[in-house]
Amino acid sequence: MSRLDELIAELCPDGVEFEALGSLGIRNKGTPITASKMKSLGLVPGPIRVFAGGKTVADVSEDAIPAKDIIRVPSIIVKSRGHIDVEFYAKPFTHKSELWSYSITESRIDQKFVYYYLLTKVPMLQEMGSSHLGV
């Protein structure tokens, strides 16, 4: 028996309860924005980061994005367009509306732990995305 098996047997003798990620917090909506709009808004840098697919970001002024679309709590951003990835971000931000982000509100769950766990799943998700596209 491995040390991990011993710890599970000791600390979770009845197993670990599964909870869907969707039940632990809220899914944030982004903002409808085009790549060209992001580029032009990024010419005047500011404190609000806008995430798009892949590694594309723009830092824009506070008034460049509708206030209702700015997320001001730490969140996990799931990038499902272009290069599939996840990112943890704790400063004010938004993202293109075709992406999504998730803020865990359940106090007993460590959001950074969930982020690191999701990072371990990125290769599998990238493979699934590539096979879905026939690549």
N, C-alpha and C. Protein backbone atom coordinates (compact mmCIF):
# COMPACT_ATOMS: atom_id res chain seq x y z
N MET A 1 0.85 -1.17 0.00
CA MET A 1 0.00 0.00 0.00
C MET A 1 0.91 1.25 0.00
N SER A 2 0.60 2.18 -0.88
CA SER A 2 1.40 3.41 -0.96
C SER A 2 1.03 4.36 0.17
N ARG A 3 1.87 5.36 0.38
CA ARG A 3 1.59 6.35 1.42
C ARG A 3 0.27 7.08 1.11
N LEU A 4 0.02 7.33 -0.16
CA LEU A 4 -1.22 7.99 -0.56
C LEU A 4 -2.43 7.10 -0.20
N ASP A 5 -2.33 5.81 -0.48
CA ASP A 5 -3.40 4.88 -0.12
C ASP A 5 -3.63 4.87 1.38
N GLU A 6 -2.53 4.92 2.15
CA GLU A 6 -2.64 4.94 3.61
C GLU A 6 -3.37 6.20 4.08
N LEU A 7 -3.01 7.34 3.52
CA LEU A 7 -3.65 8.60 3.90
C LEU A 7 -5.14 8.60 3.55
N ILE A 8 -5.47 8.09 2.38
CA ILE A 8 -6.88 8.03 1.99
C ILE A 8 -7.64 7.11 2.94
N ALA A 9 -7.05 5.95 3.26
CA ALA A 9 -7.71 5.01 4.18
C ALA A 9 -7.90 5.64 5.56
N GLU A 10 -6.91 6.42 6.00
CA GLU A 10 -6.98 7.04 7.32
C GLU A 10 -7.93 8.23 7.35
N LEU A 11 -7.83 9.11 6.35
CA LEU A 11 -8.57 10.38 6.38
C LEU A 11 -9.92 10.32 5.68
N CYS A 12 -10.08 9.38 4.78
CA CYS A 12 -11.34 9.27 4.02
C CYS A 12 -11.77 7.81 3.92
N PRO A 13 -12.03 7.17 5.04
CA PRO A 13 -12.34 5.73 5.00
C PRO A 13 -13.58 5.40 4.17
N ASP A 14 -14.49 6.36 4.03
CA ASP A 14 -15.70 6.12 3.24
C ASP A 14 -15.57 6.66 1.82
N GLY A 15 -14.36 7.03 1.42
CA GLY A 15 -14.14 7.59 0.09
C GLY A 15 -14.29 9.11 0.10
N VAL A 16 -14.12 9.68 -1.05
CA VAL A 16 -14.22 11.13 -1.21
C VAL A 16 -15.49 11.43 -1.99
N GLU A 17 -16.31 12.29 -1.42
CA GLU A 17 -17.56 12.65 -2.07
C GLU A 17 -17.31 13.47 -3.33
N PHE A 18 -17.96 13.11 -4.40
CA PHE A 18 -17.85 13.86 -5.65
C PHE A 18 -18.82 15.04 -5.61
N GLU A 19 -18.31 16.20 -5.99
CA GLU A 19 -19.17 17.37 -6.14
C GLU A 19 -18.82 18.02 -7.47
N ALA A 20 -19.84 18.30 -8.25
CA ALA A 20 -19.62 18.95 -9.54
C ALA A 20 -19.07 20.34 -9.32
N LEU A 21 -18.12 20.72 -10.15
CA LEU A 21 -17.53 22.04 -10.06
C LEU A 21 -18.60 23.13 -10.08
N GLY A 22 -19.62 22.94 -10.88
CA GLY A 22 -20.69 23.91 -10.99
C GLY A 22 -21.46 24.16 -9.70
N SER A 23 -21.34 23.25 -8.75
CA SER A 23 -22.06 23.43 -7.49
C SER A 23 -21.24 24.17 -6.44
N LEU A 24 -19.99 24.50 -6.76
CA LEU A 24 -19.09 25.10 -5.77
C LEU A 24 -18.93 26.61 -5.89
N GLY A 25 -19.53 27.19 -6.90
CA GLY A 25 -19.36 28.63 -7.08
C GLY A 25 -20.20 29.16 -8.21
N ILE A 26 -19.69 30.18 -8.85
CA ILE A 26 -20.44 30.81 -9.94
C ILE A 26 -19.61 30.84 -11.22
N ARG A 27 -20.31 30.71 -12.30
CA ARG A 27 -19.68 30.85 -13.61
C ARG A 27 -19.85 32.31 -14.03
N ASN A 28 -18.73 32.93 -14.33
CA ASN A 28 -18.74 34.34 -14.71
C ASN A 28 -18.96 34.49 -16.21
N LYS A 29 -19.66 35.53 -16.57
CA LYS A 29 -19.83 35.86 -17.98
C LYS A 29 -18.75 36.86 -18.35
N GLY A 30 -18.35 36.83 -19.57
CA GLY A 30 -17.35 37.78 -20.04
C GLY A 30 -18.00 38.99 -20.67
N THR A 31 -17.35 39.48 -21.71
CA THR A 31 -17.86 40.65 -22.41
C THR A 31 -17.80 40.39 -23.91
N PRO A 32 -18.78 40.83 -24.65
CA PRO A 32 -18.70 40.66 -26.11
C PRO A 32 -17.70 41.66 -26.67
N ILE A 33 -16.59 41.15 -27.17
CA ILE A 33 -15.53 42.01 -27.68
C ILE A 33 -14.80 41.27 -28.80
N THR A 34 -14.40 41.99 -29.81
CA THR A 34 -13.66 41.40 -30.92
C THR A 34 -12.16 41.56 -30.69
N ALA A 35 -11.38 40.80 -31.42
CA ALA A 35 -9.92 40.89 -31.32
C ALA A 35 -9.44 42.29 -31.72
N SER A 36 -10.03 42.86 -32.76
CA SER A 36 -9.60 44.19 -33.19
C SER A 36 -9.96 45.25 -32.14
N LYS A 37 -11.10 45.10 -31.48
CA LYS A 37 -11.48 46.03 -30.41
C LYS A 37 -10.53 45.91 -29.23
N MET A 38 -10.16 44.66 -28.89
CA MET A 38 -9.19 44.45 -27.81
C MET A 38 -7.88 45.15 -28.13
N LYS A 39 -7.44 45.00 -29.37
CA LYS A 39 -6.17 45.60 -29.79
C LYS A 39 -6.22 47.12 -29.68
N SER A 40 -7.31 47.73 -30.15
CA SER A 40 -7.40 49.19 -30.10
C SER A 40 -7.53 49.69 -28.65
N LEU A 41 -8.29 48.98 -27.81
CA LEU A 41 -8.42 49.39 -26.41
C LEU A 41 -7.10 49.23 -25.66
N GLY A 42 -6.30 48.26 -26.06
CA GLY A 42 -5.02 48.01 -25.41
C GLY A 42 -3.97 49.06 -25.72
N LEU A 43 -4.24 49.94 -26.67
CA LEU A 43 -3.29 51.02 -26.99
C LEU A 43 -3.18 52.02 -25.84
N VAL A 44 -4.23 52.09 -25.01
CA VAL A 44 -4.21 52.93 -23.81
C VAL A 44 -4.27 51.97 -22.62
N PRO A 45 -3.10 51.50 -22.16
CA PRO A 45 -3.09 50.46 -21.12
C PRO A 45 -3.79 50.90 -19.83
N GLY A 46 -4.35 49.91 -19.16
CA GLY A 46 -5.04 50.16 -17.91
C GLY A 46 -5.02 48.92 -17.03
N PRO A 47 -5.75 48.96 -15.91
CA PRO A 47 -5.69 47.90 -14.91
C PRO A 47 -6.60 46.69 -15.16
N ILE A 48 -7.43 46.73 -16.19
CA ILE A 48 -8.36 45.62 -16.44
C ILE A 48 -7.79 44.74 -17.55
N ARG A 49 -7.53 43.50 -17.22
CA ARG A 49 -7.01 42.57 -18.22
C ARG A 49 -8.17 41.89 -18.92
N VAL A 50 -8.09 41.85 -20.25
CA VAL A 50 -9.10 41.16 -21.06
C VAL A 50 -8.42 39.92 -21.65
N PHE A 51 -9.00 38.76 -21.40
CA PHE A 51 -8.46 37.50 -21.91
C PHE A 51 -9.24 37.08 -23.14
N ALA A 52 -8.51 36.57 -24.12
CA ALA A 52 -9.13 35.98 -25.30
C ALA A 52 -8.57 34.57 -25.43
N GLY A 53 -8.83 33.91 -26.54
CA GLY A 53 -8.34 32.56 -26.74
C GLY A 53 -6.82 32.51 -26.75
N GLY A 54 -6.28 31.36 -26.42
CA GLY A 54 -4.84 31.19 -26.43
C GLY A 54 -4.16 32.07 -25.39
N LYS A 55 -3.12 32.76 -25.82
CA LYS A 55 -2.36 33.61 -24.91
C LYS A 55 -2.64 35.09 -25.14
N THR A 56 -3.70 35.40 -25.85
CA THR A 56 -4.03 36.78 -26.19
C THR A 56 -4.65 37.49 -25.00
N VAL A 57 -4.05 38.63 -24.61
CA VAL A 57 -4.59 39.47 -23.55
C VAL A 57 -4.42 40.93 -23.95
N ALA A 58 -5.21 41.78 -23.33
CA ALA A 58 -5.05 43.23 -23.48
C ALA A 58 -5.33 43.84 -22.12
N ASP A 59 -4.51 44.78 -21.71
CA ASP A 59 -4.73 45.52 -20.48
C ASP A 59 -5.36 46.85 -20.86
N VAL A 60 -6.58 47.07 -20.40
CA VAL A 60 -7.36 48.22 -20.85
C VAL A 60 -7.78 49.09 -19.66
N SER A 61 -8.24 50.29 -19.98
CA SER A 61 -8.68 51.20 -18.93
C SER A 61 -9.99 50.73 -18.32
N GLU A 62 -10.25 51.19 -17.13
CA GLU A 62 -11.45 50.81 -16.38
C GLU A 62 -12.73 51.14 -17.14
N ASP A 63 -12.75 52.25 -17.83
CA ASP A 63 -13.97 52.66 -18.53
C ASP A 63 -14.12 52.06 -19.93
N ALA A 64 -13.17 51.23 -20.35
CA ALA A 64 -13.23 50.62 -21.68
C ALA A 64 -14.19 49.43 -21.73
N ILE A 65 -14.49 48.87 -20.57
CA ILE A 65 -15.34 47.68 -20.47
C ILE A 65 -16.54 48.03 -19.60
N PRO A 66 -17.75 47.58 -19.97
CA PRO A 66 -18.90 47.83 -19.09
C PRO A 66 -18.64 47.29 -17.69
N ALA A 67 -18.97 48.07 -16.69
CA ALA A 67 -18.71 47.69 -15.30
C ALA A 67 -19.31 46.33 -14.95
N LYS A 68 -20.47 46.00 -15.52
CA LYS A 68 -21.12 44.73 -15.22
C LYS A 68 -20.32 43.53 -15.74
N ASP A 69 -19.41 43.77 -16.69
CA ASP A 69 -18.62 42.69 -17.28
C ASP A 69 -17.26 42.50 -16.62
N ILE A 70 -16.92 43.33 -15.65
CA ILE A 70 -15.63 43.23 -14.97
C ILE A 70 -15.77 42.31 -13.76
N ILE A 71 -14.90 41.32 -13.69
CA ILE A 71 -14.91 40.34 -12.61
C ILE A 71 -13.85 40.77 -11.61
N ARG A 72 -14.25 40.92 -10.37
CA ARG A 72 -13.36 41.50 -9.36
C ARG A 72 -13.01 40.52 -8.23
N VAL A 73 -13.22 39.25 -8.47
CA VAL A 73 -12.87 38.23 -7.49
C VAL A 73 -11.93 37.23 -8.15
N PRO A 74 -11.05 36.60 -7.37
CA PRO A 74 -10.16 35.60 -7.96
C PRO A 74 -10.97 34.53 -8.69
N SER A 75 -10.47 34.14 -9.85
CA SER A 75 -11.21 33.20 -10.69
C SER A 75 -10.26 32.29 -11.46
N ILE A 76 -10.83 31.19 -11.90
CA ILE A 76 -10.13 30.28 -12.81
C ILE A 76 -10.71 30.53 -14.19
N ILE A 77 -9.83 30.88 -15.12
CA ILE A 77 -10.26 31.17 -16.49
C ILE A 77 -9.98 29.94 -17.33
N VAL A 78 -10.99 29.49 -18.04
CA VAL A 78 -10.84 28.33 -18.92
C VAL A 78 -10.78 28.85 -20.35
N LYS A 79 -9.64 28.60 -20.96
CA LYS A 79 -9.43 29.05 -22.34
C LYS A 79 -9.70 27.86 -23.25
N SER A 80 -10.80 27.94 -23.94
CA SER A 80 -11.22 26.81 -24.78
C SER A 80 -11.19 27.16 -26.25
N ARG A 81 -10.64 28.29 -26.58
CA ARG A 81 -10.50 28.71 -27.98
C ARG A 81 -9.02 28.84 -28.27
N GLY A 82 -8.60 28.38 -29.43
CA GLY A 82 -7.17 28.43 -29.73
C GLY A 82 -6.45 27.39 -28.90
N HIS A 83 -5.52 27.81 -28.08
CA HIS A 83 -4.75 26.92 -27.22
C HIS A 83 -5.53 26.67 -25.93
N ILE A 84 -5.97 25.43 -25.70
CA ILE A 84 -6.75 25.10 -24.51
C ILE A 84 -5.84 25.18 -23.28
N ASP A 85 -6.32 25.90 -22.26
CA ASP A 85 -5.52 26.11 -21.06
C ASP A 85 -6.42 26.60 -19.94
N VAL A 86 -5.88 26.65 -18.73
CA VAL A 86 -6.56 27.28 -17.60
C VAL A 86 -5.60 28.27 -16.96
N GLU A 87 -6.15 29.29 -16.37
CA GLU A 87 -5.32 30.30 -15.72
C GLU A 87 -6.05 30.80 -14.48
N PHE A 88 -5.28 31.04 -13.42
CA PHE A 88 -5.83 31.64 -12.21
C PHE A 88 -5.50 33.12 -12.27
N TYR A 89 -6.49 33.96 -11.98
CA TYR A 89 -6.25 35.40 -12.02
C TYR A 89 -6.99 36.05 -10.86
N ALA A 90 -6.29 36.91 -10.12
CA ALA A 90 -6.85 37.48 -8.90
C ALA A 90 -7.04 38.99 -8.95
N LYS A 91 -6.75 39.62 -10.09
CA LYS A 91 -6.95 41.06 -10.24
C LYS A 91 -8.20 41.28 -11.09
N PRO A 92 -8.72 42.51 -11.14
CA PRO A 92 -9.89 42.76 -11.98
C PRO A 92 -9.63 42.40 -13.45
N PHE A 93 -10.61 41.70 -14.06
CA PHE A 93 -10.44 41.23 -15.43
C PHE A 93 -11.80 40.99 -16.07
N THR A 94 -11.76 40.67 -17.33
CA THR A 94 -12.90 40.11 -18.04
C THR A 94 -12.33 39.21 -19.12
N HIS A 95 -13.20 38.62 -19.89
CA HIS A 95 -12.76 37.75 -20.98
C HIS A 95 -13.80 37.81 -22.09
N LYS A 96 -13.35 37.39 -23.26
CA LYS A 96 -14.29 37.33 -24.38
C LYS A 96 -15.43 36.40 -23.98
N SER A 97 -16.61 36.70 -24.44
CA SER A 97 -17.79 35.97 -24.01
C SER A 97 -17.79 34.50 -24.40
N GLU A 98 -16.97 34.09 -25.39
CA GLU A 98 -16.96 32.67 -25.73
C GLU A 98 -16.07 31.85 -24.80
N LEU A 99 -15.30 32.49 -23.94
CA LEU A 99 -14.55 31.80 -22.89
C LEU A 99 -15.43 31.78 -21.64
N TRP A 100 -14.94 31.17 -20.59
CA TRP A 100 -15.65 31.24 -19.33
C TRP A 100 -14.67 31.25 -18.18
N SER A 101 -15.12 31.77 -17.07
CA SER A 101 -14.32 31.74 -15.85
C SER A 101 -15.23 31.33 -14.71
N TYR A 102 -14.59 30.90 -13.66
CA TYR A 102 -15.33 30.31 -12.55
C TYR A 102 -14.74 30.81 -11.24
N SER A 103 -15.59 31.31 -10.35
CA SER A 103 -15.17 31.77 -9.03
C SER A 103 -15.80 30.86 -7.99
N ILE A 104 -14.96 30.21 -7.21
CA ILE A 104 -15.47 29.30 -6.19
C ILE A 104 -15.89 30.10 -4.97
N THR A 105 -17.13 29.91 -4.56
CA THR A 105 -17.68 30.63 -3.41
C THR A 105 -17.82 29.73 -2.19
N GLU A 106 -17.65 28.45 -2.39
CA GLU A 106 -17.75 27.49 -1.29
C GLU A 106 -16.48 27.61 -0.43
N SER A 107 -16.62 28.08 0.80
CA SER A 107 -15.46 28.41 1.64
C SER A 107 -14.60 27.19 1.99
N ARG A 108 -15.16 26.01 1.97
CA ARG A 108 -14.37 24.83 2.34
C ARG A 108 -13.51 24.31 1.19
N ILE A 109 -13.64 24.92 0.03
CA ILE A 109 -12.87 24.50 -1.15
C ILE A 109 -11.81 25.54 -1.46
N ASP A 110 -10.59 25.10 -1.60
CA ASP A 110 -9.48 25.99 -1.94
C ASP A 110 -9.44 26.16 -3.46
N GLN A 111 -9.74 27.35 -3.92
CA GLN A 111 -9.81 27.61 -5.36
C GLN A 111 -8.47 27.36 -6.06
N LYS A 112 -7.37 27.69 -5.40
CA LYS A 112 -6.05 27.44 -6.00
C LYS A 112 -5.82 25.94 -6.18
N PHE A 113 -6.29 25.12 -5.24
CA PHE A 113 -6.17 23.67 -5.38
C PHE A 113 -6.92 23.20 -6.62
N VAL A 114 -8.15 23.70 -6.80
CA VAL A 114 -8.94 23.33 -7.98
C VAL A 114 -8.20 23.75 -9.25
N TYR A 115 -7.62 24.94 -9.24
CA TYR A 115 -6.85 25.42 -10.39
C TYR A 115 -5.70 24.46 -10.70
N TYR A 116 -4.92 24.10 -9.68
CA TYR A 116 -3.78 23.21 -9.91
C TYR A 116 -4.25 21.83 -10.37
N TYR A 117 -5.36 21.37 -9.84
CA TYR A 117 -5.92 20.10 -10.30
C TYR A 117 -6.29 20.20 -11.79
N LEU A 118 -6.97 21.28 -12.16
CA LEU A 118 -7.36 21.46 -13.57
C LEU A 118 -6.14 21.53 -14.48
N LEU A 119 -5.05 22.11 -13.98
CA LEU A 119 -3.82 22.14 -14.79
C LEU A 119 -3.36 20.73 -15.17
N THR A 120 -3.57 19.77 -14.27
CA THR A 120 -3.16 18.39 -14.58
C THR A 120 -4.02 17.79 -15.68
N LYS A 121 -5.19 18.37 -15.94
CA LYS A 121 -6.10 17.86 -16.95
C LYS A 121 -5.94 18.54 -18.31
N VAL A 122 -5.13 19.59 -18.38
CA VAL A 122 -4.98 20.35 -19.63
C VAL A 122 -4.49 19.47 -20.78
N PRO A 123 -3.45 18.64 -20.60
CA PRO A 123 -3.02 17.81 -21.73
C PRO A 123 -4.14 16.92 -22.27
N MET A 124 -4.92 16.34 -21.37
CA MET A 124 -6.04 15.49 -21.80
C MET A 124 -7.06 16.32 -22.58
N LEU A 125 -7.36 17.52 -22.09
CA LEU A 125 -8.33 18.39 -22.77
C LEU A 125 -7.81 18.82 -24.13
N GLN A 126 -6.51 19.12 -24.21
CA GLN A 126 -5.92 19.49 -25.50
C GLN A 126 -6.00 18.33 -26.49
N GLU A 127 -5.73 17.13 -25.99
CA GLU A 127 -5.82 15.95 -26.85
C GLU A 127 -7.25 15.73 -27.32
N MET A 128 -8.19 15.88 -26.42
CA MET A 128 -9.61 15.72 -26.79
C MET A 128 -10.00 16.76 -27.82
N GLY A 129 -9.53 17.99 -27.63
CA GLY A 129 -9.84 19.06 -28.59
C GLY A 129 -9.24 18.80 -29.93
N SER A 130 -8.01 18.28 -29.96
CA SER A 130 -7.36 17.98 -31.23
C SER A 130 -8.05 16.83 -31.96
N SER A 131 -8.42 15.80 -31.21
CA SER A 131 -9.08 14.65 -31.86
C SER A 131 -10.47 15.04 -32.33
N HIS A 132 -11.12 15.94 -31.61
CA HIS A 132 -12.45 16.39 -32.01
C HIS A 132 -12.38 17.17 -33.34
N LEU A 133 -11.27 17.87 -33.52
CA LEU A 133 -11.09 18.66 -34.73
C LEU A 133 -10.49 17.84 -35.88
N GLY A 134 -10.13 16.59 -35.57
CA GLY A 134 -9.55 15.74 -36.60
C GLY A 134 -8.09 16.04 -36.87
N VAL A 135 -7.41 16.67 -35.89
CA VAL A 135 -5.99 17.04 -36.06
C VAL A 135 -5.12 15.85 -35.76
